[in-house]
Every structure is written in C-alpha cells, then in structure tokens.
C-alpha cells in the first residue's frame, strides 16, 4: 500500500493528462485483525503490492481508504487501484507477480475480496453475487460439506422415490437419466433447499475468519447429524 504522501503524488500525477481521468478501477476489501501491529504489517505488505502494480504498464494511481473497525474484532481496509485501460488492469490482475504477493499476504490479512461469487459451494452461503476472486470468506470447508449433505440427502431420496413411483426415466439410459437428475437436483438445491439450510444454520455457518466458540460448533454439527439420523430413519421406514 502507498503512504499518504505517495497517494497524493499519484493523484497529482494523474492530473497531468486529461486521458488519466478515464481509467479502469479495481476495488479490494481486506479484512485485517485489529491492533497497531497487525495494521503495520498490513501496510508494509500493501506497500509491496502497490509497488508491484507500479511496474506494470497503465498503472495510474492507488488510494487507501480510512479503515473501518467492525464489532467482531477485525478492521476492513478498502483499496482502490486505477489503470489506464481494462486490458492493462487485466494484465496486472492475472500476473504471476500479483499472485505471489497475494500468497504472501495470506499471513497478513484474514480475508479479502474484490467481487463475490456465484459458483462453488460458497455461493450457497453468501448473499453476494458477482465475480470470482475471494479468499476465506465462506464457512470452513467441513461446515460446508455437512450443510450440503443436509440439503442434498433428502432431496435425492425424495426425488428418487417420486420418480420411481411415477415411472419417470426408469427406462432411460443411465448416462442420460443421470444428467437430467443432476440438473433437477442442482436446481432444487440452489433455489429452494440451500438458501433455507443456510438461514437455519446461519449462527453456525459463519465466515472462516470469524472465530466460533466450541459450543456453537458442537451445537451446529449436532443439529446436522441429528437431522440426518432422523431423516435416515424415516426413509428406511418408508422404503
């Protein structure tokens, strides 16, 4: 990250040409632990990130907004980086230099994002939609797996029982019926089941960077296993 003087200099440099007013902007949210030491470490790392961006053609300026302190023991920093064109910005975003610096930064910040996501398991646990890049914003993987199984298991069982009773796709080739079944199951999960599972377990499905007490983890996991056990008993009885 740049210091205040560097940001001012960048701002002055951008006024030298009217063309500099038409640039592509990249905004990142970094979630950093509270405390002066964590802030100093983050600033040093961000200085390196901005210095790396300076080496790429089209770099115009970088700004760092005042930190936003949150109630859960973290601070959110918002960085705004400008390049002259979308192509030049893209070149930097996809560069190995930036990827290496981000890898180093994982020990500096708890999470980051510049856009949220619409694919993968984490999409079921977020109200945000948009692009793809994010880091440690979803629940821990083991919670995602349990929550998905909680929604997937009854969906598959009920869907199979209904299709069997109605004779749907029974004579179809397995590969064809499997594709159709997966499309139906995924649609039901995405738009009907997982949003409800996510809301029901919202006290437990917290982002990985937010610490959860052992008691809360045990309660959430216990509810999932109890629900799975109950549903297994019901389906065993019905079949």
Foldseek 3Di string as FASTA:
>chain_A
DDDPVQQVVLVVQLPPDPLSVAWDKFKKKFKWFDDPVLVVLLVVLVVVLVVVLVVFAFWRHKDKDPWDDDPQRIIIIMMMTIGSYPVSVVCSVPDVSNVVSVVVCVVRTVKMDRADDCDDLQNLQDPGYDDHDIDQQWFPPVLSVLLVCLQQVVLVLVVVVVCVVVVPCPPPPPVVVVVVVVVVSVVCCRPPGSNVSNVVLVLPTGGHSRDDDPVSVVVSVVVSVVSVVVVVVVSVVVD
